Amino acid sequence: SFEEGEVVSVGRARTRSKAFEEALRRAAELQPIEQIMVVDSTSPDDLLYVSQRLQDIAPNASLITGMVGPTVGVHGGPGWIGLAVGPAPSTSE
């Protein structure tokens, strides 16, 4: 996550599937969601899985998918998945 412009760890999961589920749970807490972005380094099947699950969570959100290049991918390594969720602007004042 980001706190005051800095990247911070928000947890650890012992398996890949648990990491996906935790990320999806955290994303669902940001409802209503307006935008979703999912990127991978070398895992198109995982990208598809996470994208579909996020679309189930927020069916009206716009979705962008892609592949990160080696400059970014080297920091996560093979199999890296990244996701970003943009909550809809608050209409309450």
PDB file of N, CA and C in Angstrom:
ATOM      1  N   SER A   1       0.852  -1.175   0.000  1.00  0.00           N
ATOM      2  CA  SER A   1       0.000   0.000   0.000  1.00  0.00           C
ATOM      3  C   SER A   1       0.893   1.231   0.000  1.00  0.00           C
ATOM      4  N   PHE A   2       0.276   2.396  -0.033  1.00  0.00           N
ATOM      5  CA  PHE A   2       0.998   3.657   0.062  1.00  0.00           C
ATOM      6  C   PHE A   2       0.519   4.413   1.288  1.00  0.00           C
ATOM      7  N   GLU A   3       1.455   4.951   2.026  1.00  0.00           N
ATOM      8  CA  GLU A   3       1.149   5.824   3.151  1.00  0.00           C
ATOM      9  C   GLU A   3       2.024   7.060   3.024  1.00  0.00           C
ATOM     10  N   GLU A   4       1.373   8.197   2.869  1.00  0.00           N
ATOM     11  CA  GLU A   4       2.075   9.465   2.704  1.00  0.00           C
ATOM     12  C   GLU A   4       3.128   9.382   1.605  1.00  0.00           C
ATOM     13  N   GLY A   5       2.762   8.731   0.487  1.00  0.00           N
ATOM     14  CA  GLY A   5       3.643   8.642  -0.668  1.00  0.00           C
ATOM     15  C   GLY A   5       4.705   7.569  -0.606  1.00  0.00           C
ATOM     16  N   GLU A   6       4.736   6.793   0.469  1.00  0.00           N
ATOM     17  CA  GLU A   6       5.733   5.733   0.635  1.00  0.00           C
ATOM     18  C   GLU A   6       5.085   4.365   0.490  1.00  0.00           C
ATOM     19  N   VAL A   7       5.800   3.423  -0.120  1.00  0.00           N
ATOM     20  CA  VAL A   7       5.321   2.051  -0.228  1.00  0.00           C
ATOM     21  C   VAL A   7       5.526   1.363   1.112  1.00  0.00           C
ATOM     22  N   VAL A   8       4.460   0.721   1.613  1.00  0.00           N
ATOM     23  CA  VAL A   8       4.540   0.009   2.885  1.00  0.00           C
ATOM     24  C   VAL A   8       3.914  -1.377   2.743  1.00  0.00           C
ATOM     25  N   SER A   9       4.464  -2.318   3.463  1.00  0.00           N
ATOM     26  CA  SER A   9       3.916  -3.665   3.484  1.00  0.00           C
ATOM     27  C   SER A   9       2.632  -3.671   4.305  1.00  0.00           C
ATOM     28  N   VAL A  10       1.622  -4.363   3.809  1.00  0.00           N
ATOM     29  CA  VAL A  10       0.354  -4.452   4.541  1.00  0.00           C
ATOM     30  C   VAL A  10       0.089  -5.870   5.032  1.00  0.00           C
ATOM     31  N   GLY A  11       1.000  -6.785   4.791  1.00  0.00           N
ATOM     32  CA  GLY A  11       0.810  -8.143   5.273  1.00  0.00           C
ATOM     33  C   GLY A  11       1.692  -9.127   4.553  1.00  0.00           C
ATOM     34  N   ARG A  12       1.606 -10.362   5.015  1.00  0.00           N
ATOM     35  CA  ARG A  12       2.348 -11.463   4.400  1.00  0.00           C
ATOM     36  C   ARG A  12       1.425 -12.659   4.289  1.00  0.00           C
ATOM     37  N   ALA A  13       1.555 -13.373   3.192  1.00  0.00           N
ATOM     38  CA  ALA A  13       0.790 -14.607   3.010  1.00  0.00           C
ATOM     39  C   ALA A  13       1.792 -15.717   2.709  1.00  0.00           C
ATOM     40  N   ARG A  14       1.496 -16.892   3.181  1.00  0.00           N
ATOM     41  CA  ARG A  14       2.436 -18.010   3.007  1.00  0.00           C
ATOM     42  C   ARG A  14       2.295 -18.725   1.672  1.00  0.00           C
ATOM     43  N   THR A  15       1.156 -18.580   1.018  1.00  0.00           N
ATOM     44  CA  THR A  15       0.985 -19.218  -0.283  1.00  0.00           C
ATOM     45  C   THR A  15       0.510 -18.183  -1.297  1.00  0.00           C
ATOM     46  N   ARG A  16       0.698 -18.494  -2.552  1.00  0.00           N
ATOM     47  CA  ARG A  16       0.278 -17.606  -3.634  1.00  0.00           C
ATOM     48  C   ARG A  16      -1.236 -17.412  -3.615  1.00  0.00           C
ATOM     49  N   SER A  17      -1.977 -18.492  -3.443  1.00  0.00           N
ATOM     50  CA  SER A  17      -3.439 -18.387  -3.449  1.00  0.00           C
ATOM     51  C   SER A  17      -3.931 -17.547  -2.271  1.00  0.00           C
ATOM     52  N   LYS A  18      -3.303 -17.680  -1.106  1.00  0.00           N
ATOM     53  CA  LYS A  18      -3.694 -16.854   0.044  1.00  0.00           C
ATOM     54  C   LYS A  18      -3.354 -15.381  -0.199  1.00  0.00           C
ATOM     55  N   ALA A  19      -2.250 -15.135  -0.876  1.00  0.00           N
ATOM     56  CA  ALA A  19      -1.882 -13.752  -1.206  1.00  0.00           C
ATOM     57  C   ALA A  19      -2.916 -13.137  -2.144  1.00  0.00           C
ATOM     58  N   PHE A  20      -3.355 -13.896  -3.147  1.00  0.00           N
ATOM     59  CA  PHE A  20      -4.393 -13.399  -4.056  1.00  0.00           C
ATOM     60  C   PHE A  20      -5.673 -13.099  -3.293  1.00  0.00           C
ATOM     61  N   GLU A  21      -6.089 -14.032  -2.437  1.00  0.00           N
ATOM     62  CA  GLU A  21      -7.334 -13.850  -1.700  1.00  0.00           C
ATOM     63  C   GLU A  21      -7.260 -12.633  -0.772  1.00  0.00           C
ATOM     64  N   GLU A  22      -6.126 -12.427  -0.140  1.00  0.00           N
ATOM     65  CA  GLU A  22      -5.966 -11.270   0.743  1.00  0.00           C
ATOM     66  C   GLU A  22      -6.004  -9.969  -0.062  1.00  0.00           C
ATOM     67  N   ALA A  23      -5.342  -9.940  -1.196  1.00  0.00           N
ATOM     68  CA  ALA A  23      -5.367  -8.738  -2.044  1.00  0.00           C
ATOM     69  C   ALA A  23      -6.787  -8.464  -2.542  1.00  0.00           C
ATOM     70  N   LEU A  24      -7.507  -9.496  -2.928  1.00  0.00           N
ATOM     71  CA  LEU A  24      -8.884  -9.330  -3.391  1.00  0.00           C
ATOM     72  C   LEU A  24      -9.797  -8.870  -2.250  1.00  0.00           C
ATOM     73  N   ARG A  25      -9.581  -9.394  -1.058  1.00  0.00           N
ATOM     74  CA  ARG A  25     -10.373  -8.969   0.099  1.00  0.00           C
ATOM     75  C   ARG A  25     -10.151  -7.484   0.382  1.00  0.00           C
ATOM     76  N   ARG A  26      -8.892  -7.073   0.350  1.00  0.00           N
ATOM     77  CA  ARG A  26      -8.572  -5.667   0.597  1.00  0.00           C
ATOM     78  C   ARG A  26      -9.167  -4.775  -0.493  1.00  0.00           C
ATOM     79  N   ALA A  27      -9.126  -5.238  -1.735  1.00  0.00           N
ATOM     80  CA  ALA A  27      -9.708  -4.457  -2.828  1.00  0.00           C
ATOM     81  C   ALA A  27     -11.213  -4.299  -2.638  1.00  0.00           C
ATOM     82  N   ALA A  28     -11.884  -5.358  -2.220  1.00  0.00           N
ATOM     83  CA  ALA A  28     -13.336  -5.315  -2.033  1.00  0.00           C
ATOM     84  C   ALA A  28     -13.727  -4.304  -0.962  1.00  0.00           C
ATOM     85  N   GLU A  29     -12.848  -4.050  -0.002  1.00  0.00           N
ATOM     86  CA  GLU A  29     -13.129  -3.076   1.048  1.00  0.00           C
ATOM     87  C   GLU A  29     -13.174  -1.645   0.529  1.00  0.00           C
ATOM     88  N   LEU A  30     -12.683  -1.436  -0.687  1.00  0.00           N
ATOM     89  CA  LEU A  30     -12.621  -0.090  -1.252  1.00  0.00           C
ATOM     90  C   LEU A  30     -13.847   0.273  -2.091  1.00  0.00           C
ATOM     91  N   GLN A  31     -14.914  -0.499  -1.964  1.00  0.00           N
ATOM     92  CA  GLN A  31     -16.130  -0.234  -2.727  1.00  0.00           C
ATOM     93  C   GLN A  31     -16.671   1.157  -2.421  1.00  0.00           C
ATOM     94  N   PRO A  32     -17.278   1.845  -3.346  1.00  0.00           N
ATOM     95  CA  PRO A  32     -17.438   1.465  -4.746  1.00  0.00           C
ATOM     96  C   PRO A  32     -16.140   1.710  -5.527  1.00  0.00           C
ATOM     97  N   ILE A  33     -15.842   0.793  -6.430  1.00  0.00           N
ATOM     98  CA  ILE A  33     -14.613   0.847  -7.218  1.00  0.00           C
ATOM     99  C   ILE A  33     -14.934   1.365  -8.618  1.00  0.00           C
ATOM    100  N   GLU A  34     -14.131   2.323  -9.065  1.00  0.00           N
ATOM    101  CA  GLU A  34     -14.330   2.918 -10.384  1.00  0.00           C
ATOM    102  C   GLU A  34     -13.356   2.355 -11.420  1.00  0.00           C
ATOM    103  N   GLN A  35     -12.117   2.110 -11.005  1.00  0.00           N
ATOM    104  CA  GLN A  35     -11.080   1.648 -11.930  1.00  0.00           C
ATOM    105  C   GLN A  35     -10.266   0.519 -11.311  1.00  0.00           C
ATOM    106  N   ILE A  36      -9.854  -0.413 -12.178  1.00  0.00           N
ATOM    107  CA  ILE A  36      -9.016  -1.546 -11.757  1.00  0.00           C
ATOM    108  C   ILE A  36      -7.887  -1.690 -12.769  1.00  0.00           C
ATOM    109  N   MET A  37      -6.682  -1.950 -12.271  1.00  0.00           N
ATOM    110  CA  MET A  37      -5.564  -2.258 -13.153  1.00  0.00           C
ATOM    111  C   MET A  37      -4.862  -3.500 -12.601  1.00  0.00           C
ATOM    112  N   VAL A  38      -4.590  -4.452 -13.475  1.00  0.00           N
ATOM    113  CA  VAL A  38      -3.865  -5.667 -13.088  1.00  0.00           C
ATOM    114  C   VAL A  38      -2.759  -5.878 -14.109  1.00  0.00           C
ATOM    115  N   VAL A  39      -1.534  -6.092 -13.615  1.00  0.00           N
ATOM    116  CA  VAL A  39      -0.390  -6.335 -14.490  1.00  0.00           C
ATOM    117  C   VAL A  39       0.363  -7.564 -14.002  1.00  0.00           C
ATOM    118  N   ASP A  40       1.068  -8.196 -14.931  1.00  0.00           N
ATOM    119  CA  ASP A  40       1.870  -9.363 -14.552  1.00  0.00           C
ATOM    120  C   ASP A  40       3.246  -9.260 -15.187  1.00  0.00           C
ATOM    121  N   SER A  41       4.170 -10.078 -14.692  1.00  0.00           N
ATOM    122  CA  SER A  41       5.501 -10.136 -15.294  1.00  0.00           C
ATOM    123  C   SER A  41       5.603 -11.336 -16.223  1.00  0.00           C
ATOM    124  N   THR A  42       5.146 -12.496 -15.763  1.00  0.00           N
ATOM    125  CA  THR A  42       5.231 -13.711 -16.590  1.00  0.00           C
ATOM    126  C   THR A  42       4.096 -14.674 -16.292  1.00  0.00           C
ATOM    127  N   SER A  43       2.966 -14.184 -15.800  1.00  0.00           N
ATOM    128  CA  SER A  43       1.893 -15.065 -15.336  1.00  0.00           C
ATOM    129  C   SER A  43       0.534 -14.694 -15.926  1.00  0.00           C
ATOM    130  N   PRO A  44       0.330 -14.905 -17.220  1.00  0.00           N
ATOM    131  CA  PRO A  44      -0.945 -14.516 -17.826  1.00  0.00           C
ATOM    132  C   PRO A  44      -2.149 -15.246 -17.238  1.00  0.00           C
ATOM    133  N   ASP A  45      -1.992 -16.484 -16.793  1.00  0.00           N
ATOM    134  CA  ASP A  45      -3.121 -17.203 -16.190  1.00  0.00           C
ATOM    135  C   ASP A  45      -3.528 -16.563 -14.863  1.00  0.00           C
ATOM    136  N   ASP A  46      -2.538 -16.160 -14.064  1.00  0.00           N
ATOM    137  CA  ASP A  46      -2.834 -15.489 -12.806  1.00  0.00           C
ATOM    138  C   ASP A  46      -3.443 -14.115 -13.065  1.00  0.00           C
ATOM    139  N   LEU A  47      -2.956 -13.422 -14.078  1.00  0.00           N
ATOM    140  CA  LEU A  47      -3.522 -12.124 -14.436  1.00  0.00           C
ATOM    141  C   LEU A  47      -4.996 -12.268 -14.789  1.00  0.00           C
ATOM    142  N   LEU A  48      -5.332 -13.278 -15.555  1.00  0.00           N
ATOM    143  CA  LEU A  48      -6.720 -13.518 -15.937  1.00  0.00           C
ATOM    144  C   LEU A  48      -7.565 -13.847 -14.708  1.00  0.00           C
ATOM    145  N   TYR A  49      -7.057 -14.692 -13.831  1.00  0.00           N
ATOM    146  CA  TYR A  49      -7.786 -15.071 -12.618  1.00  0.00           C
ATOM    147  C   TYR A  49      -8.089 -13.849 -11.749  1.00  0.00           C
ATOM    148  N   VAL A  50      -7.058 -13.055 -11.457  1.00  0.00           N
ATOM    149  CA  VAL A  50      -7.232 -11.889 -10.594  1.00  0.00           C
ATOM    150  C   VAL A  50      -8.156 -10.871 -11.266  1.00  0.00           C
ATOM    151  N   SER A  51      -8.001 -10.664 -12.565  1.00  0.00           N
ATOM    152  CA  SER A  51      -8.859  -9.722 -13.297  1.00  0.00           C
ATOM    153  C   SER A  51     -10.318 -10.141 -13.227  1.00  0.00           C
ATOM    154  N   GLN A  52     -10.584 -11.416 -13.439  1.00  0.00           N
ATOM    155  CA  GLN A  52     -11.965 -11.900 -13.401  1.00  0.00           C
ATOM    156  C   GLN A  52     -12.559 -11.770 -12.006  1.00  0.00           C
ATOM    157  N   ARG A  53     -11.782 -12.081 -10.990  1.00  0.00           N
ATOM    158  CA  ARG A  53     -12.277 -11.954  -9.620  1.00  0.00           C
ATOM    159  C   ARG A  53     -12.574 -10.503  -9.276  1.00  0.00           C
ATOM    160  N   LEU A  54     -11.708  -9.593  -9.714  1.00  0.00           N
ATOM    161  CA  LEU A  54     -11.950  -8.178  -9.457  1.00  0.00           C
ATOM    162  C   LEU A  54     -13.181  -7.680 -10.193  1.00  0.00           C
ATOM    163  N   GLN A  55     -13.408  -8.190 -11.398  1.00  0.00           N
ATOM    164  CA  GLN A  55     -14.611  -7.800 -12.131  1.00  0.00           C
ATOM    165  C   GLN A  55     -15.862  -8.349 -11.457  1.00  0.00           C
ATOM    166  N   ASP A  56     -15.755  -9.496 -10.795  1.00  0.00           N
ATOM    167  CA  ASP A  56     -16.881 -10.015 -10.009  1.00  0.00           C
ATOM    168  C   ASP A  56     -17.175  -9.088  -8.830  1.00  0.00           C
ATOM    169  N   ILE A  57     -16.118  -8.562  -8.224  1.00  0.00           N
ATOM    170  CA  ILE A  57     -16.259  -7.668  -7.083  1.00  0.00           C
ATOM    171  C   ILE A  57     -16.838  -6.315  -7.516  1.00  0.00           C
ATOM    172  N   ALA A  58     -16.370  -5.821  -8.665  1.00  0.00           N
ATOM    173  CA  ALA A  58     -16.776  -4.488  -9.139  1.00  0.00           C
ATOM    174  C   ALA A  58     -17.105  -4.563 -10.632  1.00  0.00           C
ATOM    175  N   PRO A  59     -18.274  -5.094 -10.980  1.00  0.00           N
ATOM    176  CA  PRO A  59     -18.598  -5.324 -12.390  1.00  0.00           C
ATOM    177  C   PRO A  59     -18.683  -4.065 -13.247  1.00  0.00           C
ATOM    178  N   ASN A  60     -18.897  -2.902 -12.647  1.00  0.00           N
ATOM    179  CA  ASN A  60     -19.009  -1.678 -13.432  1.00  0.00           C
ATOM    180  C   ASN A  60     -17.707  -0.891 -13.528  1.00  0.00           C
ATOM    181  N   ALA A  61     -16.668  -1.375 -12.911  1.00  0.00           N
ATOM    182  CA  ALA A  61     -15.385  -0.677 -12.938  1.00  0.00           C
ATOM    183  C   ALA A  61     -14.701  -0.878 -14.286  1.00  0.00           C
ATOM    184  N   SER A  62     -13.976   0.147 -14.728  1.00  0.00           N
ATOM    185  CA  SER A  62     -13.178  -0.018 -15.942  1.00  0.00           C
ATOM    186  C   SER A  62     -11.937  -0.840 -15.581  1.00  0.00           C
ATOM    187  N   LEU A  63     -11.506  -1.677 -16.503  1.00  0.00           N
ATOM    188  CA  LEU A  63     -10.400  -2.610 -16.262  1.00  0.00           C
ATOM    189  C   LEU A  63      -9.295  -2.390 -17.274  1.00  0.00           C
ATOM    190  N   ILE A  64      -8.077  -2.278 -16.781  1.00  0.00           N
ATOM    191  CA  ILE A  64      -6.886  -2.202 -17.618  1.00  0.00           C
ATOM    192  C   ILE A  64      -5.995  -3.364 -17.218  1.00  0.00           C
ATOM    193  N   THR A  65      -5.509  -4.123 -18.184  1.00  0.00           N
ATOM    194  CA  THR A  65      -4.558  -5.200 -17.902  1.00  0.00           C
ATOM    195  C   THR A  65      -3.316  -4.977 -18.751  1.00  0.00           C
ATOM    196  N   GLY A  66      -2.224  -5.548 -18.313  1.00  0.00           N
ATOM    197  CA  GLY A  66      -1.000  -5.405 -19.076  1.00  0.00           C
ATOM    198  C   GLY A  66       0.125  -6.224 -18.488  1.00  0.00           C
ATOM    199  N   MET A  67       1.260  -6.089 -19.132  1.00  0.00           N
ATOM    200  CA  MET A  67       2.462  -6.787 -18.702  1.00  0.00           C
ATOM    201  C   MET A  67       3.515  -5.750 -18.356  1.00  0.00           C
ATOM    202  N   VAL A  68       4.166  -5.925 -17.216  1.00  0.00           N
ATOM    203  CA  VAL A  68       5.234  -5.003 -16.844  1.00  0.00           C
ATOM    204  C   VAL A  68       6.506  -5.388 -17.583  1.00  0.00           C
ATOM    205  N   GLY A  69       7.327  -4.411 -17.844  1.00  0.00           N
ATOM    206  CA  GLY A  69       8.606  -4.650 -18.500  1.00  0.00           C
ATOM    207  C   GLY A  69       9.660  -5.084 -17.501  1.00  0.00           C
ATOM    208  N   PRO A  70      10.850  -5.376 -17.988  1.00  0.00           N
ATOM    209  CA  PRO A  70      11.912  -5.881 -17.115  1.00  0.00           C
ATOM    210  C   PRO A  70      12.371  -4.882 -16.062  1.00  0.00           C
ATOM    211  N   THR A  71      12.253  -3.586 -16.330  1.00  0.00           N
ATOM    212  CA  THR A  71      12.704  -2.598 -15.353  1.00  0.00           C
ATOM    213  C   THR A  71      11.888  -2.678 -14.077  1.00  0.00           C
ATOM    214  N   VAL A  72      10.582  -2.871 -14.200  1.00  0.00           N
ATOM    215  CA  VAL A  72       9.716  -3.009 -13.026  1.00  0.00           C
ATOM    216  C   VAL A  72       9.683  -4.468 -12.573  1.00  0.00           C
ATOM    217  N   GLY A  73       9.587  -5.398 -13.515  1.00  0.00           N
ATOM    218  CA  GLY A  73       9.459  -6.812 -13.209  1.00  0.00           C
ATOM    219  C   GLY A  73      10.609  -7.387 -12.408  1.00  0.00           C
ATOM    220  N   VAL A  74      11.797  -6.843 -12.567  1.00  0.00           N
ATOM    221  CA  VAL A  74      12.953  -7.358 -11.834  1.00  0.00           C
ATOM    222  C   VAL A  74      12.772  -7.203 -10.330  1.00  0.00           C
ATOM    223  N   HIS A  75      11.988  -6.239  -9.894  1.00  0.00           N
ATOM    224  CA  HIS A  75      11.789  -6.025  -8.458  1.00  0.00           C
ATOM    225  C   HIS A  75      10.854  -7.067  -7.847  1.00  0.00           C
ATOM    226  N   GLY A  76       9.950  -7.607  -8.649  1.00  0.00           N
ATOM    227  CA  GLY A  76       9.026  -8.621  -8.148  1.00  0.00           C
ATOM    228  C   GLY A  76       9.429 -10.029  -8.516  1.00  0.00           C
ATOM    229  N   GLY A  77      10.184 -10.175  -9.590  1.00  0.00           N
ATOM    230  CA  GLY A  77      10.620 -11.490 -10.030  1.00  0.00           C
ATOM    231  C   GLY A  77       9.571 -12.202 -10.861  1.00  0.00           C
ATOM    232  N   PRO A  78       9.901 -13.406 -11.322  1.00  0.00           N
ATOM    233  CA  PRO A  78       8.967 -14.181 -12.152  1.00  0.00           C
ATOM    234  C   PRO A  78       7.679 -14.477 -11.393  1.00  0.00           C
ATOM    235  N   GLY A  79       6.575 -14.367 -12.080  1.00  0.00           N
ATOM    236  CA  GLY A  79       5.290 -14.677 -11.470  1.00  0.00           C
ATOM    237  C   GLY A  79       4.660 -13.522 -10.724  1.00  0.00           C
ATOM    238  N   TRP A  80       5.286 -12.370 -10.757  1.00  0.00           N
ATOM    239  CA  TRP A  80       4.804 -11.201 -10.034  1.00  0.00           C
ATOM    240  C   TRP A  80       3.489 -10.714 -10.625  1.00  0.00           C
ATOM    241  N   ILE A  81       2.562 -10.347  -9.755  1.00  0.00           N
ATOM    242  CA  ILE A  81       1.270  -9.763 -10.146  1.00  0.00           C
ATOM    243  C   ILE A  81       1.118  -8.453  -9.381  1.00  0.00           C
ATOM    244  N   GLY A  82       0.671  -7.422 -10.070  1.00  0.00           N
ATOM    245  CA  GLY A  82       0.392  -6.159  -9.408  1.00  0.00           C
ATOM    246  C   GLY A  82      -1.034  -5.733  -9.681  1.00  0.00           C
ATOM    247  N   LEU A  83      -1.665  -5.133  -8.702  1.00  0.00           N
ATOM    248  CA  LEU A  83      -3.007  -4.628  -8.938  1.00  0.00           C
ATOM    249  C   LEU A  83      -3.177  -3.278  -8.274  1.00  0.00           C
ATOM    250  N   ALA A  84      -3.991  -2.474  -8.917  1.00  0.00           N
ATOM    251  CA  ALA A  84      -4.327  -1.153  -8.385  1.00  0.00           C
ATOM    252  C   ALA A  84      -5.839  -1.002  -8.500  1.00  0.00           C
ATOM    253  N   VAL A  85      -6.442  -0.438  -7.477  1.00  0.00           N
ATOM    254  CA  VAL A  85      -7.871  -0.242  -7.436  1.00  0.00           C
ATOM    255  C   VAL A  85      -8.134   1.228  -7.156  1.00  0.00           C
ATOM    256  N   GLY A  86      -8.950   1.841  -8.011  1.00  0.00           N
ATOM    257  CA  GLY A  86      -9.304   3.244  -7.821  1.00  0.00           C
ATOM    258  C   GLY A  86     -10.738   3.354  -7.354  1.00  0.00           C
ATOM    259  N   PRO A  87     -10.929   3.702  -6.068  1.00  0.00           N
ATOM    260  CA  PRO A  87     -12.302   3.868  -5.571  1.00  0.00           C
ATOM    261  C   PRO A  87     -12.995   5.030  -6.289  1.00  0.00           C
ATOM    262  N   ALA A  88     -14.293   4.932  -6.410  1.00  0.00           N
ATOM    263  CA  ALA A  88     -15.072   6.015  -6.997  1.00  0.00           C
ATOM    264  C   ALA A  88     -15.012   7.217  -6.058  1.00  0.00           C
ATOM    265  N   PRO A  89     -15.034   8.419  -6.617  1.00  0.00           N
ATOM    266  CA  PRO A  89     -15.011   9.605  -5.750  1.00  0.00           C
ATOM    267  C   PRO A  89     -16.222   9.623  -4.826  1.00  0.00           C
ATOM    268  N   SER A  90     -16.020  10.074  -3.625  1.00  0.00           N
ATOM    269  CA  SER A  90     -17.099  10.178  -2.658  1.00  0.00           C
ATOM    270  C   SER A  90     -18.038  11.302  -3.066  1.00  0.00           C
ATOM    271  N   THR A  91     -19.335  11.041  -2.996  1.00  0.00           N
ATOM    272  CA  THR A  91     -20.309  12.060  -3.350  1.00  0.00           C
ATOM    273  C   THR A  91     -20.937  12.707  -2.125  1.00  0.00           C
ATOM    274  N   SER A  92     -20.578  12.223  -0.943  1.00  0.00           N
ATOM    275  CA  SER A  92     -21.154  12.791   0.281  1.00  0.00           C
ATOM    276  C   SER A  92     -20.295  13.962   0.756  1.00  0.00           C
ATOM    277  N   GLU A  93     -20.956  14.987   1.237  1.00  0.00           N
ATOM    278  CA  GLU A  93     -20.225  16.151   1.758  1.00  0.00           C
ATOM    279  C   GLU A  93     -20.824  16.595   3.047  1.00  0.00           C
TER     280      GLU A  93
END
